[in-house]
Amino acid sequence: MKRAFFYLRILLSMALTMFFLWIAFHDADPDELLHALFRLPLLWFFGLFTLQLFSHILRAVRWRYLLSPVKENIPLHGAFSSLMIGLMINGIIPRAGEIARSYVLGKREHIAPSSVLSTVILERLLDISSFAAVLCIVVIINAKSIVIWFPLFPGGALLLGAIGLLMLVFFVLLFLKSHIIFSSIKKIAVLFPASSRKKIDSLMDSFLKGFQAGGTRKNYGIIMLLTCSIWFSYIVLLFLPMRMFGMENLTLISAATLQLASGLASAMPTPNGIGSYHSFITFTLMRVYQVTEASAVAYVVYTHAIGYLCTLLIGTAYLIKENIHFSDVMKAKTEE
């Protein structure tokens, strides 16, 4: 049953990907797109590729701090290779990468995969909270760039800002009071049969162990600094190509708005945002900043290609180097 549901999710993901790609490209001129892409210097591509790789290194460094309650002094190379393998698999099968990197690092460092997975969940919550913080900043500085996402709802920017603030408050509480939340879940588990209760207790204990990084006060500053650095690198990765495609009037706030659109696109169950990224970013560029369709389409193809090729090439190289079989990772996913 689990395997059938897994393959059904893949089919739905493929259908969504094709739908979003059609939205993004159905009016695009292929010749004009190719001309816009191939006129760009390769030096820019390699420079942005390197910056993309650096942003992943920052994520791996932050993950090591989140992993410290589970196991101290995990090598950066091990965290980075597991991260890249997970990102690469996410680019093929949505949401499989989180299980994959938990499996890979758990096997490498002899850690329970559930404990590693809890730190991945904590990392995702960090991403959500920082997304909420950037959302609040963009709403305060330039609410007009957000209103376009809610054409039928008056006060859409205010609503989105309020949602962002609530998300931020919720995460802070979860980050600081995880032991209370998981203890409460364990108390509710008494309503379940004994066999299920034992599994829930074990799972909550593993999750709490990973979330304890949030309670390590000495790590607060460095985790927050790394999170801000990761977001800044993402915004710069979107800002620099704007100059390459003639969008000189756009600013870092414009790039931050695009990063919010990218975050919404990544919530869609498509592999590495294929299709959803293209349609969301194109829509934002054209409707919010009045960029021409030709420039917007070329921009999304170029920026997405850099990120996708980085994870695909580096992740595949590490998969081979670590002697990890793709089938083993997929088995771990289908048995999730």
Protein backbone atom coordinates (compact mmCIF):
# COMPACT_ATOMS: atom_id res chain seq x y z
CA MET A 1 0.00 0.00 0.00
CA LYS A 2 2.80 2.41 0.91
CA ARG A 3 4.62 1.62 -2.31
CA ALA A 4 1.46 2.23 -4.38
CA PHE A 5 0.91 5.57 -2.62
CA PHE A 6 4.55 6.48 -3.26
CA TYR A 7 4.21 5.92 -7.01
CA LEU A 8 0.89 7.78 -7.06
CA ARG A 9 2.66 10.78 -5.53
CA ILE A 10 5.27 10.62 -8.31
CA LEU A 11 2.56 10.63 -10.99
CA LEU A 12 0.81 13.59 -9.38
CA SER A 13 4.14 15.40 -9.14
CA MET A 14 4.81 14.81 -12.85
CA ALA A 15 1.34 16.08 -13.74
CA LEU A 16 1.83 19.25 -11.68
CA THR A 17 5.27 19.79 -13.19
CA MET A 18 3.93 19.60 -16.74
CA PHE A 19 1.04 21.94 -15.85
CA PHE A 20 3.33 24.62 -14.39
CA LEU A 21 5.80 24.29 -17.27
CA TRP A 22 2.96 24.86 -19.72
CA ILE A 23 1.90 27.99 -17.83
CA ALA A 24 5.45 29.35 -17.89
CA PHE A 25 6.39 28.52 -21.50
CA HIS A 26 3.27 28.18 -23.65
CA ASP A 27 3.74 31.66 -25.16
CA ALA A 28 7.55 31.71 -25.18
CA ASP A 29 9.55 31.94 -28.41
CA PRO A 30 12.18 29.11 -28.35
CA ASP A 31 14.56 30.91 -30.74
CA GLU A 32 14.43 34.13 -28.74
CA LEU A 33 14.99 32.17 -25.51
CA LEU A 34 18.04 30.34 -26.87
CA HIS A 35 19.51 33.58 -28.22
CA ALA A 36 19.09 35.28 -24.82
CA LEU A 37 20.77 32.38 -23.00
CA PHE A 38 23.72 31.65 -25.28
CA ARG A 39 24.82 35.28 -25.55
CA LEU A 40 25.74 35.29 -21.84
CA PRO A 41 29.42 34.86 -20.84
CA LEU A 42 30.29 31.47 -19.36
CA LEU A 43 32.30 33.23 -16.65
CA TRP A 44 29.08 34.54 -15.12
CA PHE A 45 27.62 31.03 -15.09
CA PHE A 46 30.65 29.55 -13.31
CA GLY A 47 30.70 32.44 -10.83
CA LEU A 48 27.02 31.97 -9.93
CA PHE A 49 27.50 28.19 -9.83
CA THR A 50 30.28 28.70 -7.26
CA LEU A 51 28.09 31.04 -5.21
CA GLN A 52 25.29 28.45 -5.30
CA LEU A 53 27.73 25.83 -4.06
CA PHE A 54 28.85 28.16 -1.26
CA SER A 55 25.22 28.58 -0.12
CA HIS A 56 24.97 24.79 0.22
CA ILE A 57 28.18 24.73 2.26
CA LEU A 58 26.59 27.28 4.61
CA ARG A 59 23.58 24.96 4.97
CA ALA A 60 25.87 22.04 5.79
CA VAL A 61 27.71 24.11 8.43
CA ARG A 62 24.38 25.08 10.03
CA TRP A 63 23.19 21.47 9.92
CA ARG A 64 26.29 20.39 11.89
CA TYR A 65 25.22 22.71 14.73
CA LEU A 66 21.70 21.29 14.62
CA LEU A 67 23.15 17.78 14.72
CA SER A 68 25.38 18.45 17.74
CA PRO A 69 22.89 17.07 20.34
CA VAL A 70 22.59 13.88 18.27
CA LYS A 71 26.32 13.44 17.74
CA GLU A 72 29.18 15.83 18.38
CA ASN A 73 31.81 16.79 15.81
CA ILE A 74 30.25 15.29 12.71
CA PRO A 75 32.71 16.06 9.87
CA LEU A 76 31.63 18.91 7.62
CA HIS A 77 32.40 16.76 4.60
CA GLY A 78 29.97 14.10 5.82
CA ALA A 79 27.19 16.62 6.46
CA PHE A 80 27.81 18.33 3.11
CA SER A 81 27.88 15.10 1.07
CA SER A 82 24.66 13.85 2.72
CA LEU A 83 23.01 17.22 2.12
CA MET A 84 23.95 17.28 -1.56
CA ILE A 85 22.76 13.71 -2.09
CA GLY A 86 19.44 14.66 -0.50
CA LEU A 87 19.08 17.81 -2.63
CA MET A 88 19.93 15.83 -5.75
CA ILE A 89 17.24 13.24 -4.98
CA ASN A 90 14.74 16.02 -4.25
CA GLY A 91 15.42 17.15 -7.81
CA ILE A 92 14.17 13.78 -9.05
CA ILE A 93 11.50 12.80 -6.52
CA PRO A 94 9.94 15.58 -4.42
CA ARG A 95 10.25 15.27 -0.64
CA ALA A 96 12.42 12.14 -0.95
CA GLY A 97 15.62 14.04 -0.24
CA GLU A 98 14.89 14.59 3.46
CA ILE A 99 14.61 10.84 4.06
CA ALA A 100 17.58 10.20 1.77
CA ARG A 101 20.04 12.44 3.57
CA SER A 102 18.88 11.15 6.95
CA TYR A 103 19.53 7.62 5.69
CA VAL A 104 22.93 8.50 4.18
CA LEU A 105 24.25 10.41 7.21
CA GLY A 106 22.79 7.84 9.62
CA LYS A 107 24.58 5.05 7.78
CA ARG A 108 27.82 7.02 7.58
CA GLU A 109 27.91 8.13 11.24
CA HIS A 110 26.06 5.16 12.79
CA ILE A 111 23.14 7.31 14.00
CA ALA A 112 19.45 6.41 14.11
CA PRO A 113 17.90 7.89 10.93
CA SER A 114 14.90 9.15 12.95
CA SER A 115 17.23 11.28 15.09
CA VAL A 116 18.86 12.73 11.98
CA LEU A 117 15.44 13.32 10.42
CA SER A 118 14.39 15.36 13.45
CA THR A 119 17.24 17.80 12.76
CA VAL A 120 16.15 18.00 9.11
CA ILE A 121 12.65 18.90 10.32
CA LEU A 122 14.17 21.52 12.62
CA GLU A 123 16.13 22.89 9.66
CA ARG A 124 12.93 23.12 7.61
CA LEU A 125 11.26 25.01 10.44
CA LEU A 126 14.21 27.39 10.49
CA ASP A 127 13.67 27.95 6.78
CA ILE A 128 9.97 28.60 7.35
CA SER A 129 10.64 31.06 10.15
CA SER A 130 13.25 32.94 8.12
CA PHE A 131 10.82 32.94 5.17
CA ALA A 132 8.24 34.51 7.49
CA ALA A 133 10.75 37.13 8.66
CA VAL A 134 11.68 38.12 5.07
CA LEU A 135 7.98 38.19 4.20
CA CYS A 136 7.31 40.65 7.03
CA ILE A 137 10.24 42.86 5.91
CA VAL A 138 9.08 42.94 2.28
CA VAL A 139 5.50 43.75 3.34
CA ILE A 140 6.76 46.66 5.48
CA ILE A 141 9.11 48.06 2.81
CA ASN A 142 7.07 47.43 -0.34
CA ALA A 143 3.59 45.98 0.20
CA LYS A 144 2.65 46.64 -3.44
CA SER A 145 4.95 43.85 -4.60
CA ILE A 146 2.93 41.37 -2.53
CA VAL A 147 -0.61 42.59 -3.33
CA ILE A 148 -0.39 41.19 -6.87
CA TRP A 149 -0.49 37.65 -5.43
CA PHE A 150 -3.98 38.34 -4.04
CA PRO A 151 -5.84 40.07 -6.88
CA LEU A 152 -9.30 39.11 -5.60
CA PHE A 153 -8.69 39.76 -1.91
CA PRO A 154 -8.53 43.32 -0.50
CA GLY A 155 -5.76 43.78 2.03
CA GLY A 156 -3.88 40.75 0.76
CA ALA A 157 -0.47 42.12 1.71
CA LEU A 158 -1.62 42.81 5.26
CA LEU A 159 -3.02 39.29 5.54
CA LEU A 160 0.20 37.77 4.22
CA GLY A 161 2.25 39.86 6.64
CA ALA A 162 0.05 38.73 9.55
CA ILE A 163 0.44 35.09 8.48
CA GLY A 164 4.20 35.57 8.29
CA LEU A 165 4.27 37.06 11.78
CA LEU A 166 2.19 34.19 13.19
CA MET A 167 4.49 31.66 11.52
CA LEU A 168 7.49 33.39 13.04
CA VAL A 169 5.99 33.43 16.56
CA PHE A 170 4.94 29.76 16.28
CA PHE A 171 8.43 28.68 15.26
CA VAL A 172 10.10 30.63 18.04
CA LEU A 173 7.85 28.88 20.56
CA LEU A 174 8.55 25.49 18.99
CA PHE A 175 12.27 26.25 18.85
CA LEU A 176 12.41 27.24 22.54
CA LYS A 177 9.77 24.94 24.06
CA SER A 178 10.11 21.76 22.02
CA HIS A 179 10.30 19.57 25.16
CA ILE A 180 6.84 20.79 26.29
CA ILE A 181 5.28 20.18 22.87
CA PHE A 182 6.68 16.68 22.44
CA SER A 183 5.85 15.75 26.03
CA SER A 184 2.25 16.78 25.35
CA ILE A 185 2.14 14.59 22.24
CA LYS A 186 3.44 11.64 24.28
CA LYS A 187 0.63 12.18 26.81
CA ILE A 188 -1.96 12.13 24.04
CA ALA A 189 -0.42 8.87 22.79
CA VAL A 190 -1.98 7.01 25.75
CA LEU A 191 -5.20 7.00 23.71
CA PHE A 192 -3.58 4.70 21.14
CA PRO A 193 -3.04 0.91 21.38
CA ALA A 194 0.05 -0.22 23.31
CA SER A 195 1.95 -1.25 20.17
CA SER A 196 1.37 2.13 18.51
CA ARG A 197 2.06 4.02 21.75
CA LYS A 198 5.50 2.49 22.02
CA LYS A 199 6.38 3.57 18.48
CA ILE A 200 5.07 7.10 19.10
CA ASP A 201 7.07 7.41 22.33
CA SER A 202 10.23 6.24 20.58
CA LEU A 203 9.65 8.63 17.66
CA MET A 204 8.98 11.60 19.95
CA ASP A 205 12.15 10.84 21.97
CA SER A 206 14.18 10.78 18.75
CA PHE A 207 12.61 14.00 17.51
CA LEU A 208 13.17 15.72 20.84
CA LYS A 209 16.83 14.73 20.76
CA GLY A 210 17.23 16.48 17.42
CA PHE A 211 15.23 19.53 18.52
CA GLN A 212 17.46 19.99 21.55
CA ALA A 213 19.79 21.99 19.29
CA GLY A 214 17.18 24.72 19.67
CA GLY A 215 17.70 24.70 23.39
CA THR A 216 21.48 24.97 23.23
CA ARG A 217 21.93 28.65 23.99
CA LYS A 218 25.57 28.71 22.91
CA ASN A 219 24.44 27.85 19.37
CA TYR A 220 21.70 30.51 19.08
CA GLY A 221 23.92 33.23 17.64
CA ILE A 222 25.80 31.13 15.09
CA ILE A 223 22.61 29.37 13.89
CA MET A 224 20.87 32.71 13.38
CA LEU A 225 23.93 34.18 11.65
CA LEU A 226 24.18 31.20 9.30
CA THR A 227 20.45 31.36 8.55
CA CYS A 228 20.71 35.05 7.64
CA SER A 229 23.81 34.32 5.51
CA ILE A 230 22.01 31.54 3.65
CA TRP A 231 19.07 33.81 2.85
CA PHE A 232 21.36 36.65 1.78
CA SER A 233 23.25 34.32 -0.57
CA TYR A 234 19.96 33.18 -2.12
CA ILE A 235 18.85 36.79 -2.65
CA VAL A 236 22.19 37.70 -4.22
CA LEU A 237 21.89 34.67 -6.52
CA LEU A 238 18.62 36.13 -7.80
CA PHE A 239 19.84 39.74 -7.84
CA LEU A 240 23.02 39.38 -9.92
CA PRO A 241 21.32 37.75 -12.96
CA MET A 242 18.88 40.67 -13.05
CA ARG A 243 21.73 42.82 -14.34
CA MET A 244 22.55 40.20 -16.96
CA PHE A 245 19.01 40.30 -18.36
CA GLY A 246 18.64 44.07 -18.45
CA MET A 247 16.64 44.54 -15.22
CA GLU A 248 18.77 47.42 -13.93
CA ASN A 249 15.80 49.07 -12.19
CA LEU A 250 15.30 46.10 -9.82
CA THR A 251 16.87 46.08 -6.35
CA LEU A 252 17.78 43.65 -3.58
CA ILE A 253 14.20 44.07 -2.26
CA SER A 254 12.98 42.96 -5.69
CA ALA A 255 15.25 39.93 -5.42
CA ALA A 256 13.92 39.24 -1.91
CA THR A 257 10.39 39.33 -3.34
CA LEU A 258 11.43 36.81 -5.98
CA GLN A 259 12.92 34.65 -3.24
CA LEU A 260 9.54 34.66 -1.49
CA ALA A 261 7.94 33.57 -4.76
CA SER A 262 10.59 30.85 -5.03
CA GLY A 263 9.78 29.73 -1.49
CA LEU A 264 6.10 29.42 -2.38
CA ALA A 265 7.06 27.49 -5.52
CA SER A 266 9.19 25.06 -3.49
CA ALA A 267 6.12 24.22 -1.41
CA MET A 268 4.61 22.65 -4.52
CA PRO A 269 5.27 18.88 -4.85
CA THR A 270 7.39 19.25 -7.98
CA PRO A 271 10.97 17.96 -8.31
CA ASN A 272 13.31 20.79 -7.30
CA GLY A 273 10.66 23.36 -8.20
CA ILE A 274 10.66 22.44 -11.90
CA GLY A 275 7.69 24.19 -13.43
CA SER A 276 6.43 25.79 -10.23
CA TYR A 277 9.60 27.93 -9.92
CA HIS A 278 9.39 28.93 -13.57
CA SER A 279 5.73 29.92 -13.45
CA PHE A 280 5.86 31.70 -10.06
CA ILE A 281 8.98 33.74 -10.86
CA THR A 282 7.84 34.58 -14.39
CA PHE A 283 4.47 35.74 -13.05
CA THR A 284 6.12 37.92 -10.40
CA LEU A 285 8.59 39.50 -12.85
CA MET A 286 5.94 40.26 -15.43
CA ARG A 287 3.05 41.34 -13.20
CA VAL A 288 4.92 43.06 -10.36
CA TYR A 289 7.95 44.54 -12.17
CA GLN A 290 6.64 44.76 -15.77
CA VAL A 291 9.55 42.75 -17.17
CA THR A 292 9.02 41.55 -20.74
CA GLU A 293 8.03 37.92 -21.17
CA ALA A 294 11.19 37.12 -23.16
CA SER A 295 13.48 38.46 -20.42
CA ALA A 296 11.44 36.86 -17.62
CA VAL A 297 11.45 33.40 -19.23
CA ALA A 298 15.17 33.57 -20.02
CA TYR A 299 15.87 34.68 -16.44
CA VAL A 300 13.97 31.78 -14.83
CA VAL A 301 15.54 29.19 -17.12
CA TYR A 302 19.03 30.52 -16.37
CA THR A 303 18.68 30.87 -12.60
CA HIS A 304 16.93 27.52 -12.18
CA ALA A 305 19.52 25.75 -14.34
CA ILE A 306 22.35 26.97 -12.11
CA GLY A 307 20.71 25.64 -8.95
CA TYR A 308 19.56 22.39 -10.52
CA LEU A 309 22.88 21.55 -12.18
CA CYS A 310 24.75 22.31 -8.96
CA THR A 311 22.73 19.82 -6.91
CA LEU A 312 22.52 17.25 -9.71
CA LEU A 313 26.24 17.17 -10.51
CA ILE A 314 27.63 17.44 -6.97
CA GLY A 315 24.95 15.17 -5.49
CA THR A 316 25.49 12.46 -8.11
CA ALA A 317 29.27 12.64 -7.64
CA TYR A 318 28.87 12.11 -3.88
CA LEU A 319 26.34 9.30 -4.40
CA ILE A 320 28.96 7.45 -6.43
CA LYS A 321 31.85 8.35 -4.11
CA GLU A 322 29.99 7.27 -0.96
CA ASN A 323 29.02 3.99 -2.70
CA ILE A 324 25.35 4.62 -1.89
CA HIS A 325 22.90 2.73 -4.07
CA PHE A 326 19.96 4.76 -5.28
CA SER A 327 17.68 1.75 -4.79
CA ASP A 328 18.57 1.60 -1.07
CA VAL A 329 17.66 5.25 -0.63
CA MET A 330 14.36 4.78 -2.47
CA LYS A 331 13.60 1.74 -0.34
CA ALA A 332 14.05 3.87 2.76
CA LYS A 333 11.66 6.42 1.24
CA THR A 334 8.94 3.93 0.32
CA GLU A 335 9.15 2.42 3.81
CA GLU A 336 8.81 5.84 5.44
